[in-house]
Amino acid sequence: MSERPNLLAGEKIPPAPQQRRSVAKRAQLEAAGLALFGEKGYENTSVEEIARRAKLAVGSFYQHFQSKRQLLLALMDELLEKLSRLDLRPAGGTDVREILHGVLSRAFAHDLRYLGAYRAWQEAVLSDPSLARKQEEIQVWTTARALRLFQALQKLPGARKNVDLQGLARAMDSFFWSLLAYAVQLPKARLNQSIAAATHLIYHALFRDSTT
């Protein structure tokens, strides 16, 4: 799968506003939703609370979204759009660890803005079969992106040639989504340690020790 999943397809979400004032209101609702989803989770967050946090009337919420589910879908779709723009090709340089660490750090720089949405998403997926199917599509897509990164790295000098890249991509993709789910509770130093540990694991999975 080369194109990212379109989470809004078939959801009948009101079109994005064009007028500046409406755009600002939608941004306020999204920011409030991100904050509350991160603080309280999906089930414990209400439309009324989102509107109140955004300092808007409840009626304003329903001008943009028919439900908090639609707001969550819009937030997750924005996350996927930002990830789709992230260049995962290894940048120039001779230190493979630095290349890897740079790629992972860039990925989390985008993801962390949407921690609240992902926490709520994980919760909502458990009771919503439609969202669960969308989650499967997301994992197929992100695993494919990880696989392409590992394939590019395997072309570098010193790389192992007999690595199960597909299996490695699935494992690391699951690891990063799990880390994202807990990152909201982690101090920045702990998150950086996790990124460094992942860099170490991927490096030694792909490269022979003789290159260190």
N, C-alpha and C. Protein backbone atom coordinates (compact mmCIF):
# COMPACT_ATOMS: atom_id res chain seq x y z
N MET A 1 0.85 -1.18 0.00
CA MET A 1 0.00 0.00 0.00
C MET A 1 0.89 1.24 0.00
N SER A 2 0.88 2.03 -1.10
CA SER A 2 1.73 3.21 -1.19
C SER A 2 1.02 4.45 -0.68
N GLU A 3 -0.28 4.58 -0.92
CA GLU A 3 -1.02 5.74 -0.46
C GLU A 3 -1.54 5.48 0.96
N ARG A 4 -1.57 6.54 1.73
CA ARG A 4 -2.03 6.38 3.11
C ARG A 4 -3.53 6.09 3.12
N PRO A 5 -4.01 5.39 4.14
CA PRO A 5 -5.46 5.16 4.27
C PRO A 5 -6.20 6.49 4.45
N ASN A 6 -7.32 6.62 3.78
CA ASN A 6 -8.17 7.81 3.94
C ASN A 6 -9.22 7.49 4.99
N LEU A 7 -9.00 7.93 6.20
CA LEU A 7 -9.90 7.58 7.30
C LEU A 7 -11.26 8.26 7.20
N LEU A 8 -11.36 9.29 6.38
CA LEU A 8 -12.61 10.04 6.30
C LEU A 8 -13.53 9.53 5.19
N ALA A 9 -13.04 8.60 4.38
CA ALA A 9 -13.84 8.10 3.27
C ALA A 9 -15.12 7.44 3.78
N GLY A 10 -16.26 7.87 3.25
CA GLY A 10 -17.54 7.27 3.61
C GLY A 10 -18.08 7.67 4.96
N GLU A 11 -17.45 8.64 5.63
CA GLU A 11 -17.85 9.01 6.99
C GLU A 11 -18.83 10.19 7.04
N LYS A 12 -19.06 10.86 5.91
CA LYS A 12 -20.03 11.98 5.83
C LYS A 12 -19.71 13.08 6.83
N ILE A 13 -18.44 13.37 6.97
CA ILE A 13 -18.02 14.47 7.84
C ILE A 13 -18.24 15.79 7.10
N PRO A 14 -18.80 16.80 7.75
CA PRO A 14 -18.99 18.09 7.09
C PRO A 14 -17.68 18.58 6.47
N PRO A 15 -17.75 19.20 5.28
CA PRO A 15 -16.52 19.64 4.62
C PRO A 15 -15.75 20.66 5.45
N ALA A 16 -14.45 20.71 5.23
CA ALA A 16 -13.62 21.66 5.96
C ALA A 16 -14.06 23.08 5.64
N PRO A 17 -14.12 23.95 6.64
CA PRO A 17 -14.58 25.32 6.42
C PRO A 17 -13.58 26.12 5.58
N GLN A 18 -14.09 27.17 4.94
CA GLN A 18 -13.26 28.04 4.12
C GLN A 18 -13.09 29.43 4.73
N GLN A 19 -14.12 29.90 5.43
CA GLN A 19 -14.05 31.22 6.03
C GLN A 19 -13.11 31.22 7.23
N ARG A 20 -12.38 32.30 7.38
CA ARG A 20 -11.35 32.37 8.42
C ARG A 20 -11.91 32.11 9.82
N ARG A 21 -13.07 32.69 10.11
CA ARG A 21 -13.63 32.50 11.44
C ARG A 21 -14.00 31.05 11.70
N SER A 22 -14.58 30.39 10.70
CA SER A 22 -14.94 28.99 10.85
C SER A 22 -13.71 28.10 10.96
N VAL A 23 -12.68 28.43 10.20
CA VAL A 23 -11.42 27.68 10.28
C VAL A 23 -10.85 27.77 11.69
N ALA A 24 -10.91 28.97 12.26
CA ALA A 24 -10.39 29.17 13.62
C ALA A 24 -11.20 28.36 14.64
N LYS A 25 -12.51 28.33 14.48
CA LYS A 25 -13.34 27.58 15.41
C LYS A 25 -13.04 26.08 15.33
N ARG A 26 -12.88 25.60 14.11
CA ARG A 26 -12.57 24.17 13.97
C ARG A 26 -11.21 23.86 14.61
N ALA A 27 -10.25 24.74 14.43
CA ALA A 27 -8.94 24.54 15.06
C ALA A 27 -9.06 24.52 16.58
N GLN A 28 -9.91 25.39 17.14
CA GLN A 28 -10.13 25.40 18.59
C GLN A 28 -10.73 24.08 19.05
N LEU A 29 -11.68 23.55 18.30
CA LEU A 29 -12.31 22.27 18.66
C LEU A 29 -11.31 21.13 18.58
N GLU A 30 -10.47 21.14 17.57
CA GLU A 30 -9.48 20.08 17.44
C GLU A 30 -8.46 20.14 18.57
N ALA A 31 -8.03 21.34 18.92
CA ALA A 31 -7.07 21.49 20.01
C ALA A 31 -7.69 21.03 21.33
N ALA A 32 -8.96 21.39 21.54
CA ALA A 32 -9.64 20.96 22.76
C ALA A 32 -9.82 19.46 22.79
N GLY A 33 -10.16 18.87 21.64
CA GLY A 33 -10.31 17.43 21.57
C GLY A 33 -9.01 16.70 21.84
N LEU A 34 -7.92 17.19 21.27
CA LEU A 34 -6.61 16.58 21.53
C LEU A 34 -6.29 16.60 23.02
N ALA A 35 -6.52 17.74 23.64
CA ALA A 35 -6.18 17.87 25.06
C ALA A 35 -7.04 16.94 25.92
N LEU A 36 -8.34 16.95 25.69
CA LEU A 36 -9.24 16.14 26.52
C LEU A 36 -9.08 14.65 26.26
N PHE A 37 -8.89 14.27 25.01
CA PHE A 37 -8.66 12.85 24.70
C PHE A 37 -7.40 12.36 25.41
N GLY A 38 -6.38 13.22 25.45
CA GLY A 38 -5.15 12.84 26.14
C GLY A 38 -5.32 12.76 27.64
N GLU A 39 -6.12 13.66 28.20
CA GLU A 39 -6.32 13.70 29.65
C GLU A 39 -7.27 12.62 30.15
N LYS A 40 -8.37 12.41 29.42
CA LYS A 40 -9.47 11.59 29.94
C LYS A 40 -9.77 10.34 29.11
N GLY A 41 -9.20 10.24 27.92
CA GLY A 41 -9.54 9.11 27.06
C GLY A 41 -10.78 9.40 26.24
N TYR A 42 -11.17 8.42 25.45
CA TYR A 42 -12.29 8.61 24.51
C TYR A 42 -13.64 8.55 25.21
N GLU A 43 -13.90 7.48 25.94
CA GLU A 43 -15.22 7.29 26.54
C GLU A 43 -15.56 8.36 27.56
N ASN A 44 -14.56 8.84 28.27
CA ASN A 44 -14.82 9.81 29.34
C ASN A 44 -14.81 11.26 28.87
N THR A 45 -14.69 11.46 27.58
CA THR A 45 -14.74 12.81 27.02
C THR A 45 -16.08 13.01 26.31
N SER A 46 -16.75 14.11 26.59
CA SER A 46 -18.04 14.38 25.97
C SER A 46 -17.94 15.56 25.00
N VAL A 47 -18.90 15.63 24.10
CA VAL A 47 -18.97 16.75 23.17
C VAL A 47 -19.08 18.07 23.94
N GLU A 48 -19.88 18.06 25.00
CA GLU A 48 -20.06 19.27 25.79
C GLU A 48 -18.73 19.75 26.39
N GLU A 49 -17.93 18.81 26.88
CA GLU A 49 -16.64 19.18 27.46
C GLU A 49 -15.70 19.74 26.39
N ILE A 50 -15.73 19.15 25.21
CA ILE A 50 -14.87 19.63 24.13
C ILE A 50 -15.25 21.07 23.76
N ALA A 51 -16.55 21.31 23.62
CA ALA A 51 -17.01 22.66 23.28
C ALA A 51 -16.63 23.65 24.38
N ARG A 52 -16.83 23.23 25.64
CA ARG A 52 -16.50 24.11 26.76
C ARG A 52 -15.01 24.42 26.79
N ARG A 53 -14.16 23.41 26.57
CA ARG A 53 -12.70 23.64 26.56
C ARG A 53 -12.32 24.57 25.41
N ALA A 54 -13.03 24.45 24.29
CA ALA A 54 -12.75 25.31 23.14
C ALA A 54 -13.36 26.70 23.29
N LYS A 55 -14.13 26.90 24.37
CA LYS A 55 -14.81 28.17 24.62
C LYS A 55 -15.79 28.51 23.51
N LEU A 56 -16.53 27.47 23.09
CA LEU A 56 -17.53 27.61 22.05
C LEU A 56 -18.83 26.98 22.50
N ALA A 57 -19.92 27.35 21.86
CA ALA A 57 -21.20 26.72 22.14
C ALA A 57 -21.23 25.32 21.57
N VAL A 58 -22.02 24.44 22.18
CA VAL A 58 -22.13 23.07 21.68
C VAL A 58 -22.60 23.06 20.23
N GLY A 59 -23.46 24.02 19.89
CA GLY A 59 -23.93 24.10 18.51
C GLY A 59 -22.81 24.31 17.52
N SER A 60 -21.76 25.00 17.93
CA SER A 60 -20.60 25.21 17.05
C SER A 60 -19.90 23.89 16.76
N PHE A 61 -19.86 23.02 17.76
CA PHE A 61 -19.25 21.70 17.54
C PHE A 61 -19.97 20.98 16.42
N TYR A 62 -21.30 20.97 16.47
CA TYR A 62 -22.07 20.20 15.50
C TYR A 62 -22.10 20.84 14.11
N GLN A 63 -21.62 22.06 14.00
CA GLN A 63 -21.44 22.65 12.68
C GLN A 63 -20.24 22.04 11.95
N HIS A 64 -19.33 21.46 12.73
CA HIS A 64 -18.10 20.91 12.15
C HIS A 64 -18.04 19.39 12.20
N PHE A 65 -18.62 18.79 13.23
CA PHE A 65 -18.58 17.34 13.41
C PHE A 65 -19.94 16.87 13.93
N GLN A 66 -20.36 15.71 13.48
CA GLN A 66 -21.63 15.16 13.94
C GLN A 66 -21.49 14.43 15.28
N SER A 67 -20.25 14.10 15.67
CA SER A 67 -20.01 13.34 16.89
C SER A 67 -18.54 13.46 17.28
N LYS A 68 -18.23 13.04 18.50
CA LYS A 68 -16.81 13.04 18.89
C LYS A 68 -16.04 11.99 18.09
N ARG A 69 -16.73 10.97 17.60
CA ARG A 69 -16.09 9.96 16.75
C ARG A 69 -15.57 10.61 15.47
N GLN A 70 -16.36 11.50 14.89
CA GLN A 70 -15.92 12.19 13.69
C GLN A 70 -14.73 13.10 13.98
N LEU A 71 -14.74 13.76 15.13
CA LEU A 71 -13.59 14.58 15.51
C LEU A 71 -12.34 13.71 15.63
N LEU A 72 -12.48 12.56 16.27
CA LEU A 72 -11.33 11.66 16.42
C LEU A 72 -10.82 11.20 15.06
N LEU A 73 -11.72 10.87 14.15
CA LEU A 73 -11.32 10.46 12.81
C LEU A 73 -10.56 11.58 12.10
N ALA A 74 -11.05 12.81 12.23
CA ALA A 74 -10.39 13.93 11.59
C ALA A 74 -8.97 14.13 12.15
N LEU A 75 -8.82 13.99 13.46
CA LEU A 75 -7.50 14.14 14.07
C LEU A 75 -6.54 13.05 13.63
N MET A 76 -7.02 11.81 13.61
CA MET A 76 -6.16 10.71 13.17
C MET A 76 -5.82 10.83 11.69
N ASP A 77 -6.75 11.31 10.90
CA ASP A 77 -6.47 11.50 9.47
C ASP A 77 -5.40 12.57 9.27
N GLU A 78 -5.44 13.61 10.09
CA GLU A 78 -4.39 14.63 10.03
C GLU A 78 -3.04 14.04 10.40
N LEU A 79 -3.02 13.18 11.40
CA LEU A 79 -1.77 12.53 11.79
C LEU A 79 -1.21 11.72 10.63
N LEU A 80 -2.06 10.93 9.96
CA LEU A 80 -1.58 10.13 8.83
C LEU A 80 -1.09 11.01 7.70
N GLU A 81 -1.77 12.13 7.47
CA GLU A 81 -1.33 13.04 6.42
C GLU A 81 0.06 13.59 6.71
N LYS A 82 0.31 13.97 7.96
CA LYS A 82 1.63 14.47 8.33
C LYS A 82 2.69 13.37 8.21
N LEU A 83 2.33 12.16 8.60
CA LEU A 83 3.28 11.05 8.46
C LEU A 83 3.57 10.75 7.01
N SER A 84 2.57 10.91 6.14
CA SER A 84 2.78 10.63 4.71
C SER A 84 3.77 11.60 4.09
N ARG A 85 3.88 12.79 4.68
CA ARG A 85 4.81 13.79 4.16
C ARG A 85 6.21 13.63 4.74
N LEU A 86 6.35 12.78 5.72
CA LEU A 86 7.64 12.58 6.38
C LEU A 86 8.56 11.77 5.49
N ASP A 87 9.72 12.31 5.18
CA ASP A 87 10.70 11.64 4.34
C ASP A 87 11.47 10.63 5.17
N LEU A 88 11.21 9.35 4.93
CA LEU A 88 11.90 8.30 5.68
C LEU A 88 13.14 7.77 4.98
N ARG A 89 13.53 8.41 3.87
CA ARG A 89 14.74 7.97 3.20
C ARG A 89 15.96 8.34 4.05
N PRO A 90 16.92 7.44 4.18
CA PRO A 90 18.12 7.77 4.97
C PRO A 90 18.83 8.98 4.41
N ALA A 91 19.11 9.95 5.27
CA ALA A 91 19.83 11.15 4.83
C ALA A 91 21.31 10.82 4.66
N GLY A 92 22.02 11.74 4.04
CA GLY A 92 23.43 11.51 3.82
C GLY A 92 24.21 11.45 5.12
N GLY A 93 25.37 10.83 5.05
CA GLY A 93 26.20 10.70 6.25
C GLY A 93 26.82 9.33 6.30
N THR A 94 27.84 9.18 7.10
CA THR A 94 28.55 7.92 7.18
C THR A 94 28.19 7.12 8.42
N ASP A 95 27.65 7.76 9.43
CA ASP A 95 27.29 7.07 10.66
C ASP A 95 25.86 6.57 10.56
N VAL A 96 25.71 5.27 10.40
CA VAL A 96 24.38 4.70 10.19
C VAL A 96 23.50 4.92 11.42
N ARG A 97 24.08 4.86 12.60
CA ARG A 97 23.30 5.09 13.81
C ARG A 97 22.70 6.50 13.81
N GLU A 98 23.50 7.47 13.40
CA GLU A 98 23.00 8.85 13.35
C GLU A 98 21.88 8.98 12.31
N ILE A 99 22.02 8.29 11.19
CA ILE A 99 20.98 8.31 10.17
C ILE A 99 19.68 7.75 10.73
N LEU A 100 19.78 6.59 11.38
CA LEU A 100 18.61 5.96 11.97
C LEU A 100 17.97 6.83 13.04
N HIS A 101 18.80 7.35 13.91
CA HIS A 101 18.28 8.16 15.01
C HIS A 101 17.57 9.41 14.47
N GLY A 102 18.12 9.98 13.41
CA GLY A 102 17.50 11.15 12.81
C GLY A 102 16.14 10.84 12.23
N VAL A 103 16.03 9.69 11.56
CA VAL A 103 14.74 9.28 10.98
C VAL A 103 13.70 9.09 12.08
N LEU A 104 14.08 8.37 13.14
CA LEU A 104 13.13 8.08 14.22
C LEU A 104 12.73 9.36 14.96
N SER A 105 13.68 10.24 15.17
CA SER A 105 13.37 11.48 15.88
C SER A 105 12.42 12.35 15.06
N ARG A 106 12.62 12.39 13.74
CA ARG A 106 11.71 13.17 12.90
C ARG A 106 10.30 12.59 12.94
N ALA A 107 10.20 11.27 12.97
CA ALA A 107 8.89 10.64 13.01
C ALA A 107 8.15 11.00 14.29
N PHE A 108 8.84 10.93 15.42
CA PHE A 108 8.17 11.21 16.69
C PHE A 108 7.90 12.70 16.88
N ALA A 109 8.67 13.55 16.21
CA ALA A 109 8.38 14.98 16.29
C ALA A 109 7.00 15.28 15.75
N HIS A 110 6.58 14.54 14.72
CA HIS A 110 5.23 14.70 14.18
C HIS A 110 4.20 13.99 15.07
N ASP A 111 4.49 12.78 15.45
CA ASP A 111 3.52 11.96 16.16
C ASP A 111 3.10 12.56 17.50
N LEU A 112 4.04 13.13 18.22
CA LEU A 112 3.77 13.55 19.59
C LEU A 112 2.73 14.66 19.68
N ARG A 113 2.52 15.38 18.61
CA ARG A 113 1.49 16.42 18.63
C ARG A 113 0.09 15.80 18.71
N TYR A 114 0.01 14.52 18.40
CA TYR A 114 -1.30 13.87 18.32
C TYR A 114 -1.44 12.75 19.35
N LEU A 115 -0.70 12.87 20.45
CA LEU A 115 -0.76 11.83 21.48
C LEU A 115 -2.17 11.61 22.00
N GLY A 116 -2.89 12.70 22.24
CA GLY A 116 -4.25 12.57 22.75
C GLY A 116 -5.14 11.82 21.79
N ALA A 117 -5.02 12.13 20.51
CA ALA A 117 -5.84 11.45 19.51
C ALA A 117 -5.51 9.97 19.47
N TYR A 118 -4.24 9.63 19.55
CA TYR A 118 -3.90 8.21 19.45
C TYR A 118 -4.33 7.44 20.68
N ARG A 119 -4.24 8.07 21.84
CA ARG A 119 -4.73 7.40 23.06
C ARG A 119 -6.23 7.10 22.92
N ALA A 120 -6.99 8.09 22.48
CA ALA A 120 -8.43 7.90 22.31
C ALA A 120 -8.72 6.89 21.21
N TRP A 121 -7.93 6.92 20.16
CA TRP A 121 -8.11 5.99 19.04
C TRP A 121 -7.96 4.55 19.50
N GLN A 122 -6.93 4.29 20.26
CA GLN A 122 -6.72 2.93 20.77
C GLN A 122 -7.92 2.44 21.56
N GLU A 123 -8.50 3.32 22.34
CA GLU A 123 -9.66 2.97 23.16
C GLU A 123 -10.89 2.74 22.28
N ALA A 124 -11.11 3.63 21.32
CA ALA A 124 -12.30 3.55 20.48
C ALA A 124 -12.28 2.33 19.58
N VAL A 125 -11.10 1.94 19.13
CA VAL A 125 -10.97 0.78 18.23
C VAL A 125 -11.50 -0.49 18.88
N LEU A 126 -11.39 -0.60 20.19
CA LEU A 126 -11.79 -1.82 20.89
C LEU A 126 -13.29 -2.09 20.80
N SER A 127 -14.09 -1.05 20.64
CA SER A 127 -15.54 -1.24 20.64
C SER A 127 -16.19 -0.82 19.32
N ASP A 128 -15.40 -0.48 18.33
CA ASP A 128 -15.93 -0.01 17.05
C ASP A 128 -15.30 -0.81 15.92
N PRO A 129 -16.01 -1.81 15.37
CA PRO A 129 -15.44 -2.66 14.31
C PRO A 129 -14.97 -1.88 13.07
N SER A 130 -15.68 -0.81 12.76
CA SER A 130 -15.28 0.00 11.61
C SER A 130 -13.93 0.65 11.84
N LEU A 131 -13.72 1.17 13.02
CA LEU A 131 -12.43 1.77 13.35
C LEU A 131 -11.34 0.69 13.42
N ALA A 132 -11.69 -0.49 13.89
CA ALA A 132 -10.72 -1.59 13.95
C ALA A 132 -10.22 -1.94 12.55
N ARG A 133 -11.12 -1.92 11.57
CA ARG A 133 -10.70 -2.19 10.19
C ARG A 133 -9.79 -1.09 9.67
N LYS A 134 -10.10 0.14 10.03
CA LYS A 134 -9.24 1.25 9.62
C LYS A 134 -7.86 1.13 10.28
N GLN A 135 -7.83 0.65 11.52
CA GLN A 135 -6.56 0.46 12.21
C GLN A 135 -5.70 -0.59 11.50
N GLU A 136 -6.32 -1.64 11.01
CA GLU A 136 -5.59 -2.64 10.25
C GLU A 136 -4.97 -2.03 8.99
N GLU A 137 -5.71 -1.16 8.33
CA GLU A 137 -5.19 -0.48 7.14
C GLU A 137 -4.01 0.42 7.50
N ILE A 138 -4.13 1.10 8.62
CA ILE A 138 -3.03 1.97 9.07
C ILE A 138 -1.76 1.14 9.30
N GLN A 139 -1.91 0.01 9.97
CA GLN A 139 -0.74 -0.80 10.29
C GLN A 139 -0.10 -1.38 9.04
N VAL A 140 -0.91 -1.76 8.05
CA VAL A 140 -0.35 -2.24 6.79
C VAL A 140 0.48 -1.13 6.14
N TRP A 141 -0.06 0.06 6.15
CA TRP A 141 0.62 1.19 5.50
C TRP A 141 1.91 1.57 6.24
N THR A 142 1.86 1.69 7.56
CA THR A 142 3.05 2.10 8.29
C THR A 142 4.12 1.01 8.29
N THR A 143 3.70 -0.25 8.28
CA THR A 143 4.68 -1.34 8.18
C THR A 143 5.37 -1.30 6.83
N ALA A 144 4.63 -1.00 5.79
CA ALA A 144 5.22 -0.91 4.45
C ALA A 144 6.24 0.23 4.39
N ARG A 145 5.95 1.33 5.06
CA ARG A 145 6.91 2.44 5.08
C ARG A 145 8.18 2.07 5.85
N ALA A 146 8.01 1.35 6.96
CA ALA A 146 9.19 0.89 7.71
C ALA A 146 10.00 -0.08 6.86
N LEU A 147 9.32 -0.95 6.12
CA LEU A 147 10.01 -1.91 5.26
C LEU A 147 10.86 -1.20 4.21
N ARG A 148 10.31 -0.15 3.60
CA ARG A 148 11.08 0.58 2.58
C ARG A 148 12.32 1.23 3.19
N LEU A 149 12.20 1.71 4.42
CA LEU A 149 13.37 2.28 5.10
C LEU A 149 14.43 1.22 5.31
N PHE A 150 14.03 0.06 5.79
CA PHE A 150 14.99 -1.01 6.05
C PHE A 150 15.61 -1.53 4.76
N GLN A 151 14.84 -1.57 3.70
CA GLN A 151 15.38 -1.98 2.40
C GLN A 151 16.45 -1.00 1.92
N ALA A 152 16.22 0.28 2.16
CA ALA A 152 17.22 1.28 1.77
C ALA A 152 18.47 1.14 2.62
N LEU A 153 18.30 0.90 3.91
CA LEU A 153 19.46 0.74 4.79
C LEU A 153 20.25 -0.51 4.45
N GLN A 154 19.58 -1.55 3.99
CA GLN A 154 20.26 -2.79 3.68
C GLN A 154 21.20 -2.66 2.48
N LYS A 155 21.05 -1.60 1.73
CA LYS A 155 21.93 -1.35 0.58
C LYS A 155 23.23 -0.68 0.99
N LEU A 156 23.33 -0.26 2.25
CA LEU A 156 24.53 0.41 2.71
C LEU A 156 25.64 -0.60 3.01
N PRO A 157 26.89 -0.15 2.97
CA PRO A 157 28.01 -1.05 3.27
C PRO A 157 27.89 -1.63 4.68
N GLY A 158 28.21 -2.93 4.80
CA GLY A 158 28.21 -3.58 6.10
C GLY A 158 26.87 -4.16 6.52
N ALA A 159 25.85 -3.99 5.68
CA ALA A 159 24.52 -4.49 6.05
C ALA A 159 24.46 -6.01 5.88
N ARG A 160 23.70 -6.66 6.74
CA ARG A 160 23.45 -8.09 6.62
C ARG A 160 22.50 -8.32 5.44
N LYS A 161 22.68 -9.41 4.73
CA LYS A 161 21.86 -9.68 3.55
C LYS A 161 20.76 -10.71 3.80
N ASN A 162 20.77 -11.37 4.93
CA ASN A 162 19.81 -12.46 5.16
C ASN A 162 18.80 -12.11 6.26
N VAL A 163 18.51 -10.83 6.42
CA VAL A 163 17.59 -10.38 7.46
C VAL A 163 16.15 -10.48 6.96
N ASP A 164 15.26 -10.93 7.82
CA ASP A 164 13.83 -10.95 7.51
C ASP A 164 13.32 -9.52 7.67
N LEU A 165 13.41 -8.74 6.62
CA LEU A 165 13.04 -7.33 6.70
C LEU A 165 11.55 -7.14 6.96
N GLN A 166 10.72 -8.01 6.39
CA GLN A 166 9.29 -7.89 6.61
C GLN A 166 8.95 -8.11 8.08
N GLY A 167 9.54 -9.14 8.66
CA GLY A 167 9.31 -9.41 10.08
C GLY A 167 9.83 -8.28 10.96
N LEU A 168 11.01 -7.75 10.61
CA LEU A 168 11.58 -6.65 11.38
C LEU A 168 10.68 -5.41 11.28
N ALA A 169 10.17 -5.16 10.09
CA ALA A 169 9.29 -4.00 9.90
C ALA A 169 8.02 -4.14 10.73
N ARG A 170 7.43 -5.32 10.75
CA ARG A 170 6.21 -5.53 11.56
C ARG A 170 6.50 -5.33 13.03
N ALA A 171 7.62 -5.88 13.50
CA ALA A 171 7.95 -5.79 14.92
C ALA A 171 8.21 -4.35 15.33
N MET A 172 8.98 -3.62 14.53
CA MET A 172 9.31 -2.25 14.89
C MET A 172 8.11 -1.33 14.74
N ASP A 173 7.25 -1.60 13.78
CA ASP A 173 6.04 -0.80 13.64
C ASP A 173 5.15 -0.94 14.87
N SER A 174 4.98 -2.18 15.34
CA SER A 174 4.19 -2.40 16.55
C SER A 174 4.82 -1.72 17.76
N PHE A 175 6.15 -1.78 17.82
CA PHE A 175 6.86 -1.15 18.93
C PHE A 175 6.61 0.36 18.96
N PHE A 176 6.69 0.99 17.81
CA PHE A 176 6.56 2.44 17.79
C PHE A 176 5.14 2.91 18.06
N TRP A 177 4.14 2.17 17.57
CA TRP A 177 2.76 2.54 17.90
C TRP A 177 2.51 2.36 19.40
N SER A 178 3.09 1.30 19.98
CA SER A 178 2.94 1.10 21.43
C SER A 178 3.63 2.21 22.21
N LEU A 179 4.82 2.59 21.75
CA LEU A 179 5.54 3.67 22.42
C LEU A 179 4.76 4.98 22.31
N LEU A 180 4.17 5.22 21.17
CA LEU A 180 3.37 6.43 20.99
C LEU A 180 2.20 6.46 21.96
N ALA A 181 1.61 5.31 22.20
CA ALA A 181 0.46 5.24 23.11
C ALA A 181 0.84 5.61 24.54
N TYR A 182 2.08 5.31 24.93
CA TYR A 182 2.50 5.58 26.30
C TYR A 182 3.33 6.86 26.43
N ALA A 183 3.69 7.45 25.30
CA ALA A 183 4.61 8.59 25.33
C ALA A 183 4.04 9.77 26.10
N VAL A 184 2.70 9.89 26.13
CA VAL A 184 2.08 11.00 26.86
C VAL A 184 2.42 10.94 28.35
N GLN A 185 2.75 9.75 28.85
CA GLN A 185 3.06 9.58 30.27
C GLN A 185 4.56 9.61 30.54
N LEU A 186 5.37 9.70 29.49
CA LEU A 186 6.81 9.60 29.66
C LEU A 186 7.47 10.98 29.70
N PRO A 187 8.42 11.18 30.62
CA PRO A 187 9.24 12.38 30.53
C PRO A 187 10.03 12.36 29.22
N LYS A 188 10.39 13.54 28.75
CA LYS A 188 11.10 13.63 27.48
C LYS A 188 12.38 12.80 27.48
N ALA A 189 13.07 12.79 28.62
CA ALA A 189 14.32 12.03 28.70
C ALA A 189 14.08 10.53 28.49
N ARG A 190 12.98 10.01 29.06
CA ARG A 190 12.65 8.59 28.89
C ARG A 190 12.29 8.28 27.44
N LEU A 191 11.56 9.20 26.81
CA LEU A 191 11.21 9.00 25.41
C LEU A 191 12.47 8.98 24.54
N ASN A 192 13.39 9.89 24.81
CA ASN A 192 14.64 9.92 24.05
C ASN A 192 15.44 8.64 24.26
N GLN A 193 15.38 8.09 25.47
CA GLN A 193 16.05 6.81 25.73
C GLN A 193 15.43 5.69 24.90
N SER A 194 14.12 5.71 24.78
CA SER A 194 13.43 4.68 24.00
C SER A 194 13.79 4.79 22.52
N ILE A 195 13.88 6.00 22.02
CA ILE A 195 14.28 6.20 20.63
C ILE A 195 15.72 5.72 20.42
N ALA A 196 16.59 6.01 21.38
CA ALA A 196 17.98 5.55 21.28
C ALA A 196 18.05 4.02 21.32
N ALA A 197 17.23 3.39 22.18
CA ALA A 197 17.22 1.93 22.27
C ALA A 197 16.72 1.32 20.96
N ALA A 198 15.69 1.92 20.37
CA ALA A 198 15.19 1.42 19.09
C ALA A 198 16.24 1.55 18.00
N THR A 199 16.96 2.67 18.01
CA THR A 199 18.05 2.86 17.06
C THR A 199 19.07 1.74 17.19
N HIS A 200 19.43 1.42 18.41
CA HIS A 200 20.41 0.37 18.68
C HIS A 200 19.91 -0.99 18.17
N LEU A 201 18.65 -1.30 18.46
CA LEU A 201 18.10 -2.59 18.05
C LEU A 201 18.05 -2.74 16.53
N ILE A 202 17.59 -1.70 15.87
CA ILE A 202 17.49 -1.76 14.40
C ILE A 202 18.88 -1.86 13.79
N TYR A 203 19.81 -1.08 14.32
CA TYR A 203 21.18 -1.12 13.77
C TYR A 203 21.77 -2.52 13.85
N HIS A 204 21.67 -3.15 15.02
CA HIS A 204 22.29 -4.46 15.18
C HIS A 204 21.51 -5.57 14.48
N ALA A 205 20.24 -5.31 14.19
CA ALA A 205 19.49 -6.28 13.38
C ALA A 205 19.92 -6.23 11.92
N LEU A 206 20.33 -5.06 11.46
CA LEU A 206 20.62 -4.87 10.03
C LEU A 206 22.10 -4.90 9.69
N PHE A 207 22.98 -4.63 10.68
CA PHE A 207 24.38 -4.46 10.35
C PHE A 207 25.25 -5.39 11.20
N ARG A 208 26.35 -5.81 10.59
CA ARG A 208 27.30 -6.68 11.28
C ARG A 208 28.09 -5.87 12.29
N ASP A 209 28.44 -6.53 13.41
CA ASP A 209 29.19 -5.85 14.46
C ASP A 209 30.54 -5.35 13.98
N SER A 210 31.07 -5.97 12.95
CA SER A 210 32.40 -5.60 12.45
C SER A 210 32.44 -4.18 11.89
N THR A 211 31.25 -3.59 11.63
CA THR A 211 31.20 -2.23 11.08
C THR A 211 31.19 -1.17 12.16
N THR A 212 31.08 -1.60 13.43
CA THR A 212 30.99 -0.60 14.53
C THR A 212 32.35 -0.01 14.81
